[in-house]
């Protein structure tokens, strides 16, 4: 293997180890989206039925796919704070895995 190819491979392996160490430090991971919304209550005489400003809330709604189906949950403010972090963590892991894949490609194509 030529010396410059070996150096590129060593550098790529070093970057992969950095990626792994970043991934292992991440704790909670969740997919989906978190939105804040106001809702109508369903009581026919409530003001929220006719006046959008009188709707109840705001409520934190977490939506995600589970088993191919869209699932929605109303979550507490504390749960919403944790979910926001977990959703950001998942996106960070996805980006890191993309980098890991590119480094792996560099190593594999350099070998051939």
PDB file of N, CA and C in Angstrom:
ATOM      1  N   UNK A   1       0.851  -1.176   0.000  1.00  0.00           N
ATOM      2  CA  UNK A   1       0.000   0.000   0.000  1.00  0.00           C
ATOM      3  C   UNK A   1       0.896   1.239   0.000  1.00  0.00           C
ATOM      4  N   UNK A   2       0.674   2.176  -0.926  1.00  0.00           N
ATOM      5  CA  UNK A   2       1.490   3.397  -0.957  1.00  0.00           C
ATOM      6  C   UNK A   2       1.366   4.165   0.361  1.00  0.00           C
ATOM      7  N   UNK A   3       2.443   4.923   0.660  1.00  0.00           N
ATOM      8  CA  UNK A   3       2.532   5.614   1.948  1.00  0.00           C
ATOM      9  C   UNK A   3       1.402   6.636   2.147  1.00  0.00           C
ATOM     10  N   UNK A   4       1.052   7.394   1.100  1.00  0.00           N
ATOM     11  CA  UNK A   4      -0.007   8.400   1.255  1.00  0.00           C
ATOM     12  C   UNK A   4      -1.371   7.741   1.483  1.00  0.00           C
ATOM     13  N   UNK A   5      -1.604   6.569   0.884  1.00  0.00           N
ATOM     14  CA  UNK A   5      -2.856   5.844   1.110  1.00  0.00           C
ATOM     15  C   UNK A   5      -2.913   5.362   2.557  1.00  0.00           C
ATOM     16  N   UNK A   6      -1.787   4.875   3.074  1.00  0.00           N
ATOM     17  CA  UNK A   6      -1.726   4.437   4.470  1.00  0.00           C
ATOM     18  C   UNK A   6      -2.000   5.597   5.418  1.00  0.00           C
ATOM     19  N   UNK A   7      -1.447   6.767   5.109  1.00  0.00           N
ATOM     20  CA  UNK A   7      -1.666   7.949   5.956  1.00  0.00           C
ATOM     21  C   UNK A   7      -3.144   8.339   5.944  1.00  0.00           C
ATOM     22  N   UNK A   8      -3.762   8.329   4.743  1.00  0.00           N
ATOM     23  CA  UNK A   8      -5.192   8.655   4.649  1.00  0.00           C
ATOM     24  C   UNK A   8      -6.022   7.659   5.458  1.00  0.00           C
ATOM     25  N   UNK A   9      -5.654   6.379   5.370  1.00  0.00           N
ATOM     26  CA  UNK A   9      -6.386   5.354   6.122  1.00  0.00           C
ATOM     27  C   UNK A   9      -6.212   5.561   7.627  1.00  0.00           C
ATOM     28  N   UNK A  10      -4.995   5.841   8.081  1.00  0.00           N
ATOM     29  CA  UNK A  10      -4.752   6.092   9.512  1.00  0.00           C
ATOM     30  C   UNK A  10      -5.546   7.305   9.990  1.00  0.00           C
ATOM     31  N   UNK A  11      -5.531   8.368   9.179  1.00  0.00           N
ATOM     32  CA  UNK A  11      -6.289   9.573   9.538  1.00  0.00           C
ATOM     33  C   UNK A  11      -7.787   9.269   9.614  1.00  0.00           C
ATOM     34  N   UNK A  12      -8.274   8.483   8.656  1.00  0.00           N
ATOM     35  CA  UNK A  12      -9.696   8.123   8.651  1.00  0.00           C
ATOM     36  C   UNK A  12     -10.039   7.291   9.888  1.00  0.00           C
ATOM     37  N   UNK A  13      -9.173   6.335  10.263  1.00  0.00           N
ATOM     38  CA  UNK A  13      -9.400   5.536  11.471  1.00  0.00           C
ATOM     39  C   UNK A  13      -9.410   6.420  12.718  1.00  0.00           C
ATOM     40  N   UNK A  14      -8.536   7.403  12.764  1.00  0.00           N
ATOM     41  CA  UNK A  14      -8.494   8.326  13.906  1.00  0.00           C
ATOM     42  C   UNK A  14      -9.812   9.105  13.991  1.00  0.00           C
ATOM     43  N   UNK A  15     -10.286   9.579  12.819  1.00  0.00           N
ATOM     44  CA  UNK A  15     -11.551  10.325  12.806  1.00  0.00           C
ATOM     45  C   UNK A  15     -12.729   9.424  13.208  1.00  0.00           C
ATOM     46  N   UNK A  16     -12.694   8.157  12.810  1.00  0.00           N
ATOM     47  CA  UNK A  16     -13.748   7.219  13.211  1.00  0.00           C
ATOM     48  C   UNK A  16     -13.750   7.051  14.728  1.00  0.00           C
ATOM     49  N   UNK A  17     -12.584   6.944  15.322  1.00  0.00           N
ATOM     50  CA  UNK A  17     -12.504   6.814  16.786  1.00  0.00           C
ATOM     51  C   UNK A  17     -13.064   8.058  17.472  1.00  0.00           C
ATOM     52  N   UNK A  18     -12.815   9.237  16.907  1.00  0.00           N
ATOM     53  CA  UNK A  18     -13.381  10.474  17.463  1.00  0.00           C
ATOM     54  C   UNK A  18     -14.904  10.448  17.371  1.00  0.00           C
ATOM     55  N   UNK A  19     -15.410   9.987  16.232  1.00  0.00           N
ATOM     56  CA  UNK A  19     -16.863   9.892  16.038  1.00  0.00           C
ATOM     57  C   UNK A  19     -17.463   8.939  17.068  1.00  0.00           C
ATOM     58  N   UNK A  20     -16.842   7.778  17.246  1.00  0.00           N
ATOM     59  CA  UNK A  20     -17.336   6.796  18.222  1.00  0.00           C
ATOM     60  C   UNK A  20     -17.363   7.383  19.631  1.00  0.00           C
ATOM     61  N   UNK A  21     -16.323   8.119  19.991  1.00  0.00           N
ATOM     62  CA  UNK A  21     -16.276   8.690  21.343  1.00  0.00           C
ATOM     63  C   UNK A  21     -17.364   9.747  21.529  1.00  0.00           C
ATOM     64  N   UNK A  22     -17.713  10.464  20.470  1.00  0.00           N
ATOM     65  CA  UNK A  22     -18.812  11.439  20.565  1.00  0.00           C
ATOM     66  C   UNK A  22     -20.151  10.725  20.717  1.00  0.00           C
ATOM     67  N   UNK A  23     -20.342   9.658  19.948  1.00  0.00           N
ATOM     68  CA  UNK A  23     -21.609   8.920  20.005  1.00  0.00           C
ATOM     69  C   UNK A  23     -21.817   8.308  21.388  1.00  0.00           C
ATOM     70  N   UNK A  24     -20.774   7.741  21.952  1.00  0.00           N
ATOM     71  CA  UNK A  24     -20.916   7.044  23.237  1.00  0.00           C
ATOM     72  C   UNK A  24     -21.253   8.000  24.383  1.00  0.00           C
ATOM     73  N   UNK A  25     -20.971   9.283  24.238  1.00  0.00           N
ATOM     74  CA  UNK A  25     -21.276  10.264  25.295  1.00  0.00           C
ATOM     75  C   UNK A  25     -22.730  10.735  25.254  1.00  0.00           C
ATOM     76  N   UNK A  26     -23.454  10.406  24.195  1.00  0.00           N
ATOM     77  CA  UNK A  26     -24.853  10.839  24.063  1.00  0.00           C
ATOM     78  C   UNK A  26     -25.736   9.891  24.868  1.00  0.00           C
ATOM     79  N   UNK A  27     -26.695  10.470  25.619  1.00  0.00           N
ATOM     80  CA  UNK A  27     -27.526   9.607  26.453  1.00  0.00           C
ATOM     81  C   UNK A  27     -28.899   9.335  25.830  1.00  0.00           C
ATOM     82  N   UNK A  28     -29.876  10.167  26.046  1.00  0.00           N
ATOM     83  CA  UNK A  28     -31.229   9.911  25.552  1.00  0.00           C
ATOM     84  C   UNK A  28     -31.353  10.245  24.067  1.00  0.00           C
ATOM     85  N   UNK A  29     -32.079   9.396  23.343  1.00  0.00           N
ATOM     86  CA  UNK A  29     -32.256   9.567  21.900  1.00  0.00           C
ATOM     87  C   UNK A  29     -33.709   9.249  21.558  1.00  0.00           C
ATOM     88  N   UNK A  30     -34.388  10.181  20.887  1.00  0.00           N
ATOM     89  CA  UNK A  30     -35.769   9.953  20.446  1.00  0.00           C
ATOM     90  C   UNK A  30     -35.955  10.525  19.047  1.00  0.00           C
ATOM     91  N   UNK A  31     -36.821   9.876  18.293  1.00  0.00           N
ATOM     92  CA  UNK A  31     -37.170  10.396  16.974  1.00  0.00           C
ATOM     93  C   UNK A  31     -38.450  11.211  17.095  1.00  0.00           C
ATOM     94  N   UNK A  32     -38.822  11.860  16.019  1.00  0.00           N
ATOM     95  CA  UNK A  32     -40.086  12.570  15.976  1.00  0.00           C
ATOM     96  C   UNK A  32     -39.941  14.073  16.055  1.00  0.00           C
ATOM     97  N   UNK A  33     -41.089  14.707  16.262  1.00  0.00           N
ATOM     98  CA  UNK A  33     -41.133  16.163  16.377  1.00  0.00           C
ATOM     99  C   UNK A  33     -41.938  16.534  17.619  1.00  0.00           C
ATOM    100  N   UNK A  34     -41.648  17.704  18.114  1.00  0.00           N
ATOM    101  CA  UNK A  34     -42.334  18.214  19.290  1.00  0.00           C
ATOM    102  C   UNK A  34     -42.899  19.577  18.921  1.00  0.00           C
ATOM    103  N   UNK A  35     -44.206  19.725  19.084  1.00  0.00           N
ATOM    104  CA  UNK A  35     -44.834  21.012  18.781  1.00  0.00           C
ATOM    105  C   UNK A  35     -45.649  21.475  19.982  1.00  0.00           C
ATOM    106  N   UNK A  36     -45.857  22.773  20.029  1.00  0.00           N
ATOM    107  CA  UNK A  36     -46.709  23.361  21.057  1.00  0.00           C
ATOM    108  C   UNK A  36     -47.987  23.788  20.354  1.00  0.00           C
ATOM    109  N   UNK A  37     -49.131  23.359  20.875  1.00  0.00           N
ATOM    110  CA  UNK A  37     -50.383  23.704  20.215  1.00  0.00           C
ATOM    111  C   UNK A  37     -51.488  23.983  21.216  1.00  0.00           C
ATOM    112  N   UNK A  38     -52.485  24.698  20.744  1.00  0.00           N
ATOM    113  CA  UNK A  38     -53.684  24.968  21.532  1.00  0.00           C
ATOM    114  C   UNK A  38     -54.814  24.157  20.908  1.00  0.00           C
ATOM    115  N   UNK A  39     -55.747  23.701  21.748  1.00  0.00           N
ATOM    116  CA  UNK A  39     -56.796  22.804  21.266  1.00  0.00           C
ATOM    117  C   UNK A  39     -58.178  23.236  21.739  1.00  0.00           C
ATOM    118  N   UNK A  40     -59.181  22.742  21.013  1.00  0.00           N
ATOM    119  CA  UNK A  40     -60.560  22.899  21.468  1.00  0.00           C
ATOM    120  C   UNK A  40     -60.876  21.722  22.383  1.00  0.00           C
ATOM    121  N   UNK A  41     -61.793  21.937  23.318  1.00  0.00           N
ATOM    122  CA  UNK A  41     -62.082  20.899  24.310  1.00  0.00           C
ATOM    123  C   UNK A  41     -63.195  19.955  23.883  1.00  0.00           C
ATOM    124  N   UNK A  42     -64.024  20.347  22.945  1.00  0.00           N
ATOM    125  CA  UNK A  42     -65.109  19.476  22.502  1.00  0.00           C
ATOM    126  C   UNK A  42     -66.449  19.789  23.148  1.00  0.00           C
ATOM    127  N   UNK A  43     -66.464  20.656  24.141  1.00  0.00           N
ATOM    128  CA  UNK A  43     -67.739  21.041  24.758  1.00  0.00           C
ATOM    129  C   UNK A  43     -68.422  22.036  23.822  1.00  0.00           C
ATOM    130  N   UNK A  44     -69.661  21.777  23.423  1.00  0.00           N
ATOM    131  CA  UNK A  44     -70.314  22.633  22.420  1.00  0.00           C
ATOM    132  C   UNK A  44     -70.517  24.083  22.857  1.00  0.00           C
ATOM    133  N   UNK A  45     -70.636  24.352  24.134  1.00  0.00           N
ATOM    134  CA  UNK A  45     -70.878  25.721  24.607  1.00  0.00           C
ATOM    135  C   UNK A  45     -69.612  26.457  25.025  1.00  0.00           C
ATOM    136  N   UNK A  46     -68.464  25.815  24.918  1.00  0.00           N
ATOM    137  CA  UNK A  46     -67.211  26.454  25.321  1.00  0.00           C
ATOM    138  C   UNK A  46     -66.808  27.497  24.279  1.00  0.00           C
ATOM    139  N   UNK A  47     -66.219  28.572  24.759  1.00  0.00           N
ATOM    140  CA  UNK A  47     -65.792  29.663  23.886  1.00  0.00           C
ATOM    141  C   UNK A  47     -64.727  29.208  22.879  1.00  0.00           C
ATOM    142  N   UNK A  48     -63.981  28.153  23.223  1.00  0.00           N
ATOM    143  CA  UNK A  48     -62.896  27.695  22.351  1.00  0.00           C
ATOM    144  C   UNK A  48     -63.407  27.187  21.004  1.00  0.00           C
ATOM    145  N   UNK A  49     -64.683  26.825  20.935  1.00  0.00           N
ATOM    146  CA  UNK A  49     -65.251  26.300  19.687  1.00  0.00           C
ATOM    147  C   UNK A  49     -65.291  27.385  18.614  1.00  0.00           C
ATOM    148  N   UNK A  50     -65.614  28.611  18.999  1.00  0.00           N
ATOM    149  CA  UNK A  50     -65.778  29.687  18.015  1.00  0.00           C
ATOM    150  C   UNK A  50     -64.639  30.694  17.997  1.00  0.00           C
ATOM    151  N   UNK A  51     -63.874  30.774  19.077  1.00  0.00           N
ATOM    152  CA  UNK A  51     -62.810  31.770  19.178  1.00  0.00           C
ATOM    153  C   UNK A  51     -61.443  31.090  19.271  1.00  0.00           C
ATOM    154  N   UNK A  52     -60.637  31.161  18.200  1.00  0.00           N
ATOM    155  CA  UNK A  52     -59.314  30.527  18.226  1.00  0.00           C
ATOM    156  C   UNK A  52     -58.424  31.040  19.362  1.00  0.00           C
ATOM    157  N   UNK A  53     -58.612  32.277  19.776  1.00  0.00           N
ATOM    158  CA  UNK A  53     -57.813  32.838  20.869  1.00  0.00           C
ATOM    159  C   UNK A  53     -58.183  32.226  22.218  1.00  0.00           C
ATOM    160  N   UNK A  54     -59.368  31.620  22.310  1.00  0.00           N
ATOM    161  CA  UNK A  54     -59.835  31.040  23.574  1.00  0.00           C
ATOM    162  C   UNK A  54     -59.517  29.543  23.683  1.00  0.00           C
ATOM    163  N   UNK A  55     -58.792  29.024  22.727  1.00  0.00           N
ATOM    164  CA  UNK A  55     -58.456  27.593  22.779  1.00  0.00           C
ATOM    165  C   UNK A  55     -57.616  27.287  24.016  1.00  0.00           C
ATOM    166  N   UNK A  56     -57.694  26.053  24.449  1.00  0.00           N
ATOM    167  CA  UNK A  56     -57.009  25.615  25.666  1.00  0.00           C
ATOM    168  C   UNK A  56     -55.562  25.237  25.359  1.00  0.00           C
ATOM    169  N   UNK A  57     -54.698  25.471  26.341  1.00  0.00           N
ATOM    170  CA  UNK A  57     -53.294  25.119  26.154  1.00  0.00           C
ATOM    171  C   UNK A  57     -52.417  26.298  26.495  1.00  0.00           C
ATOM    172  N   UNK A  58     -51.215  26.304  26.061  1.00  0.00           N
ATOM    173  CA  UNK A  58     -50.624  25.408  25.059  1.00  0.00           C
ATOM    174  C   UNK A  58     -50.252  24.041  25.645  1.00  0.00           C
ATOM    175  N   UNK A  59     -50.340  23.037  24.778  1.00  0.00           N
ATOM    176  CA  UNK A  59     -49.948  21.674  25.111  1.00  0.00           C
ATOM    177  C   UNK A  59     -48.751  21.288  24.255  1.00  0.00           C
ATOM    178  N   UNK A  60     -47.880  20.472  24.826  1.00  0.00           N
ATOM    179  CA  UNK A  60     -46.731  19.950  24.081  1.00  0.00           C
ATOM    180  C   UNK A  60     -47.134  18.608  23.488  1.00  0.00           C
ATOM    181  N   UNK A  61     -47.051  18.507  22.158  1.00  0.00           N
ATOM    182  CA  UNK A  61     -47.423  17.260  21.485  1.00  0.00           C
ATOM    183  C   UNK A  61     -46.203  16.663  20.793  1.00  0.00           C
ATOM    184  N   UNK A  62     -45.915  15.419  21.130  1.00  0.00           N
ATOM    185  CA  UNK A  62     -44.801  14.682  20.541  1.00  0.00           C
ATOM    186  C   UNK A  62     -45.367  13.699  19.522  1.00  0.00           C
ATOM    187  N   UNK A  63     -44.898  13.797  18.278  1.00  0.00           N
ATOM    188  CA  UNK A  63     -45.339  12.910  17.202  1.00  0.00           C
ATOM    189  C   UNK A  63     -44.147  12.130  16.678  1.00  0.00           C
ATOM    190  N   UNK A  64     -44.378  10.851  16.417  1.00  0.00           N
ATOM    191  CA  UNK A  64     -43.314   9.998  15.891  1.00  0.00           C
ATOM    192  C   UNK A  64     -43.938   8.773  15.238  1.00  0.00           C
ATOM    193  N   UNK A  65     -43.118   8.043  14.493  1.00  0.00           N
ATOM    194  CA  UNK A  65     -43.565   6.796  13.871  1.00  0.00           C
ATOM    195  C   UNK A  65     -43.143   5.618  14.738  1.00  0.00           C
ATOM    196  N   UNK A  66     -44.087   4.720  14.959  1.00  0.00           N
ATOM    197  CA  UNK A  66     -43.815   3.467  15.674  1.00  0.00           C
ATOM    198  C   UNK A  66     -44.486   2.347  14.904  1.00  0.00           C
ATOM    199  N   UNK A  67     -43.703   1.396  14.447  1.00  0.00           N
ATOM    200  CA  UNK A  67     -44.264   0.271  13.705  1.00  0.00           C
ATOM    201  C   UNK A  67     -45.005   0.696  12.453  1.00  0.00           C
ATOM    202  N   UNK A  68     -44.529   1.740  11.799  1.00  0.00           N
ATOM    203  CA  UNK A  68     -45.154   2.224  10.575  1.00  0.00           C
ATOM    204  C   UNK A  68     -46.368   3.117  10.788  1.00  0.00           C
ATOM    205  N   UNK A  69     -46.738   3.350  12.027  1.00  0.00           N
ATOM    206  CA  UNK A  69     -47.901   4.197  12.314  1.00  0.00           C
ATOM    207  C   UNK A  69     -47.446   5.478  13.005  1.00  0.00           C
ATOM    208  N   UNK A  70     -48.190   6.548  12.754  1.00  0.00           N
ATOM    209  CA  UNK A  70     -47.909   7.825  13.396  1.00  0.00           C
ATOM    210  C   UNK A  70     -48.555   7.829  14.782  1.00  0.00           C
ATOM    211  N   UNK A  71     -47.754   8.127  15.796  1.00  0.00           N
ATOM    212  CA  UNK A  71     -48.218   8.134  17.187  1.00  0.00           C
ATOM    213  C   UNK A  71     -48.051   9.548  17.741  1.00  0.00           C
ATOM    214  N   UNK A  72     -49.063  10.017  18.469  1.00  0.00           N
ATOM    215  CA  UNK A  72     -49.034  11.346  19.089  1.00  0.00           C
ATOM    216  C   UNK A  72     -49.236  11.194  20.590  1.00  0.00           C
ATOM    217  N   UNK A  73     -48.488  11.959  21.371  1.00  0.00           N
ATOM    218  CA  UNK A  73     -48.666  11.997  22.820  1.00  0.00           C
ATOM    219  C   UNK A  73     -48.600  13.436  23.301  1.00  0.00           C
ATOM    220  N   UNK A  74     -49.465  13.757  24.249  1.00  0.00           N
ATOM    221  CA  UNK A  74     -49.359  15.029  24.957  1.00  0.00           C
ATOM    222  C   UNK A  74     -48.389  14.777  26.111  1.00  0.00           C
ATOM    223  N   UNK A  75     -47.380  15.633  26.241  1.00  0.00           N
ATOM    224  CA  UNK A  75     -46.351  15.437  27.264  1.00  0.00           C
ATOM    225  C   UNK A  75     -46.270  16.663  28.170  1.00  0.00           C
ATOM    226  N   UNK A  76     -45.767  16.455  29.358  1.00  0.00           N
ATOM    227  CA  UNK A  76     -45.617  17.543  30.329  1.00  0.00           C
ATOM    228  C   UNK A  76     -44.479  18.472  29.895  1.00  0.00           C
ATOM    229  N   UNK A  77     -44.420  19.676  30.462  1.00  0.00           N
ATOM    230  CA  UNK A  77     -43.304  20.578  30.135  1.00  0.00           C
ATOM    231  C   UNK A  77     -41.940  19.957  30.436  1.00  0.00           C
ATOM    232  N   UNK A  78     -41.834  19.213  31.546  1.00  0.00           N
ATOM    233  CA  UNK A  78     -40.566  18.561  31.880  1.00  0.00           C
ATOM    234  C   UNK A  78     -40.212  17.495  30.830  1.00  0.00           C
ATOM    235  N   UNK A  79     -41.201  16.700  30.438  1.00  0.00           N
ATOM    236  CA  UNK A  79     -40.968  15.688  29.401  1.00  0.00           C
ATOM    237  C   UNK A  79     -40.594  16.357  28.079  1.00  0.00           C
ATOM    238  N   UNK A  80     -41.231  17.484  27.783  1.00  0.00           N
ATOM    239  CA  UNK A  80     -40.934  18.204  26.538  1.00  0.00           C
ATOM    240  C   UNK A  80     -39.482  18.673  26.519  1.00  0.00           C
ATOM    241  N   UNK A  81     -38.980  19.162  27.656  1.00  0.00           N
ATOM    242  CA  UNK A  81     -37.576  19.592  27.720  1.00  0.00           C
ATOM    243  C   UNK A  81     -36.638  18.422  27.427  1.00  0.00           C
ATOM    244  N   UNK A  82     -36.918  17.262  28.024  1.00  0.00           N
ATOM    245  CA  UNK A  82     -36.084  16.076  27.789  1.00  0.00           C
ATOM    246  C   UNK A  82     -36.208  15.596  26.344  1.00  0.00           C
ATOM    247  N   UNK A  83     -37.417  15.640  25.810  1.00  0.00           N
ATOM    248  CA  UNK A  83     -37.626  15.209  24.420  1.00  0.00           C
ATOM    249  C   UNK A  83     -36.881  16.101  23.437  1.00  0.00           C
ATOM    250  N   UNK A  84     -36.892  17.410  23.681  1.00  0.00           N
ATOM    251  CA  UNK A  84     -36.160  18.325  22.797  1.00  0.00           C
ATOM    252  C   UNK A  84     -34.694  17.928  22.722  1.00  0.00           C
ATOM    253  N   UNK A  85     -34.097  17.660  23.888  1.00  0.00           N
ATOM    254  CA  UNK A  85     -32.688  17.247  23.920  1.00  0.00           C
ATOM    255  C   UNK A  85     -32.501  15.916  23.196  1.00  0.00           C
ATOM    256  N   UNK A  86     -33.405  14.966  23.452  1.00  0.00           N
ATOM    257  CA  UNK A  86     -33.282  13.631  22.858  1.00  0.00           C
ATOM    258  C   UNK A  86     -33.436  13.674  21.339  1.00  0.00           C
ATOM    259  N   UNK A  87     -34.297  14.543  20.835  1.00  0.00           N
ATOM    260  CA  UNK A  87     -34.486  14.680  19.386  1.00  0.00           C
ATOM    261  C   UNK A  87     -33.240  15.299  18.759  1.00  0.00           C
ATOM    262  N   UNK A  88     -32.684  16.318  19.410  1.00  0.00           N
ATOM    263  CA  UNK A  88     -31.429  16.918  18.931  1.00  0.00           C
ATOM    264  C   UNK A  88     -30.317  15.872  18.952  1.00  0.00           C
ATOM    265  N   UNK A  89     -30.254  15.069  20.012  1.00  0.00           N
ATOM    266  CA  UNK A  89     -29.238  14.016  20.106  1.00  0.00           C
ATOM    267  C   UNK A  89     -29.350  13.029  18.948  1.00  0.00           C
ATOM    268  N   UNK A  90     -30.571  12.650  18.601  1.00  0.00           N
ATOM    269  CA  UNK A  90     -30.756  11.700  17.497  1.00  0.00           C
ATOM    270  C   UNK A  90     -30.246  12.290  16.188  1.00  0.00           C
ATOM    271  N   UNK A  91     -30.545  13.547  15.964  1.00  0.00           N
ATOM    272  CA  UNK A  91     -30.071  14.202  14.733  1.00  0.00           C
ATOM    273  C   UNK A  91     -28.548  14.283  14.715  1.00  0.00           C
ATOM    274  N   UNK A  92     -27.959  14.528  15.881  1.00  0.00           N
ATOM    275  CA  UNK A  92     -26.498  14.568  15.965  1.00  0.00           C
ATOM    276  C   UNK A  92     -25.905  13.192  15.658  1.00  0.00           C
ATOM    277  N   UNK A  93     -26.511  12.153  16.205  1.00  0.00           N
ATOM    278  CA  UNK A  93     -26.031  10.794  15.925  1.00  0.00           C
ATOM    279  C   UNK A  93     -26.147  10.477  14.440  1.00  0.00           C
ATOM    280  N   UNK A  94     -27.249  10.872  13.821  1.00  0.00           N
ATOM    281  CA  UNK A  94     -27.409  10.629  12.383  1.00  0.00           C
ATOM    282  C   UNK A  94     -26.304  11.321  11.587  1.00  0.00           C
ATOM    283  N   UNK A  95     -25.975  12.551  11.962  1.00  0.00           N
ATOM    284  CA  UNK A  95     -24.899  13.274  11.270  1.00  0.00           C
ATOM    285  C   UNK A  95     -23.559  12.581  11.496  1.00  0.00           C
ATOM    286  N   UNK A  96     -23.314  12.135  12.723  1.00  0.00           N
ATOM    287  CA  UNK A  96     -22.058  11.444  13.027  1.00  0.00           C
ATOM    288  C   UNK A  96     -21.953  10.124  12.262  1.00  0.00           C
ATOM    289  N   UNK A  97     -23.045   9.400  12.145  1.00  0.00           N
ATOM    290  CA  UNK A  97     -23.027   8.148  11.382  1.00  0.00           C
ATOM    291  C   UNK A  97     -22.752   8.429   9.908  1.00  0.00           C
ATOM    292  N   UNK A  98     -23.280   9.521   9.387  1.00  0.00           N
ATOM    293  CA  UNK A  98     -22.968   9.911   8.006  1.00  0.00           C
ATOM    294  C   UNK A  98     -21.477  10.153   7.823  1.00  0.00           C
ATOM    295  N   UNK A  99     -20.865  10.845   8.791  1.00  0.00           N
ATOM    296  CA  UNK A  99     -19.409  11.071   8.731  1.00  0.00           C
ATOM    297  C   UNK A  99     -18.653   9.754   8.841  1.00  0.00           C
ATOM    298  N   UNK A 100     -19.104   8.866   9.729  1.00  0.00           N
ATOM    299  CA  UNK A 100     -18.477   7.561   9.911  1.00  0.00           C
ATOM    300  C   UNK A 100     -18.521   6.770   8.603  1.00  0.00           C
ATOM    301  N   UNK A 101     -19.651   6.820   7.937  1.00  0.00           N
ATOM    302  CA  UNK A 101     -19.799   6.117   6.661  1.00  0.00           C
ATOM    303  C   UNK A 101     -18.827   6.668   5.612  1.00  0.00           C
ATOM    304  N   UNK A 102     -18.697   7.988   5.552  1.00  0.00           N
ATOM    305  CA  UNK A 102     -17.758   8.587   4.582  1.00  0.00           C
ATOM    306  C   UNK A 102     -16.316   8.183   4.888  1.00  0.00           C
ATOM    307  N   UNK A 103     -15.949   8.160   6.170  1.00  0.00           N
ATOM    308  CA  UNK A 103     -14.591   7.737   6.544  1.00  0.00           C
ATOM    309  C   UNK A 103     -14.373   6.262   6.205  1.00  0.00           C
ATOM    310  N   UNK A 104     -15.389   5.441   6.419  1.00  0.00           N
ATOM    311  CA  UNK A 104     -15.292   4.018   6.075  1.00  0.00           C
ATOM    312  C   UNK A 104     -15.086   3.839   4.580  1.00  0.00           C
ATOM    313  N   UNK A 105     -15.791   4.637   3.791  1.00  0.00           N
ATOM    314  CA  UNK A 105     -15.637   4.584   2.336  1.00  0.00           C
ATOM    315  C   UNK A 105     -14.215   4.957   1.941  1.00  0.00           C
ATOM    316  N   UNK A 106     -13.673   5.980   2.593  1.00  0.00           N
ATOM    317  CA  UNK A 106     -12.287   6.391   2.324  1.00  0.00           C
ATOM    318  C   UNK A 106     -11.327   5.232   2.571  1.00  0.00           C
ATOM    319  N   UNK A 107     -11.514   4.526   3.678  1.00  0.00           N
ATOM    320  CA  UNK A 107     -10.634   3.401   4.011  1.00  0.00           C
ATOM    321  C   UNK A 107     -10.809   2.266   3.005  1.00  0.00           C
ATOM    322  N   UNK A 108     -12.044   1.890   2.738  1.00  0.00           N
ATOM    323  CA  UNK A 108     -12.313   0.750   1.856  1.00  0.00           C
ATOM    324  C   UNK A 108     -11.830   1.015   0.438  1.00  0.00           C
ATOM    325  N   UNK A 109     -12.109   2.195  -0.089  1.00  0.00           N
ATOM    326  CA  UNK A 109     -11.677   2.501  -1.458  1.00  0.00           C
ATOM    327  C   UNK A 109     -10.168   2.672  -1.540  1.00  0.00           C
ATOM    328  N   UNK A 110      -9.546   3.092  -0.439  1.00  0.00           N
ATOM    329  CA  UNK A 110      -8.088   3.225  -0.419  1.00  0.00           C
ATOM    330  C   UNK A 110      -7.382   1.885  -0.425  1.00  0.00           C
ATOM    331  N   UNK A 111      -8.049   0.859   0.095  1.00  0.00           N
ATOM    332  CA  UNK A 111      -7.466  -0.479   0.147  1.00  0.00           C
ATOM    333  C   UNK A 111      -7.450  -1.115  -1.237  1.00  0.00           C
ATOM    334  N   UNK A 112      -8.502  -0.888  -1.992  1.00  0.00           N
ATOM    335  CA  UNK A 112      -8.655  -1.554  -3.299  1.00  0.00           C
ATOM    336  C   UNK A 112      -7.771  -0.946  -4.364  1.00  0.00           C
TER     337      UNK A 112
END
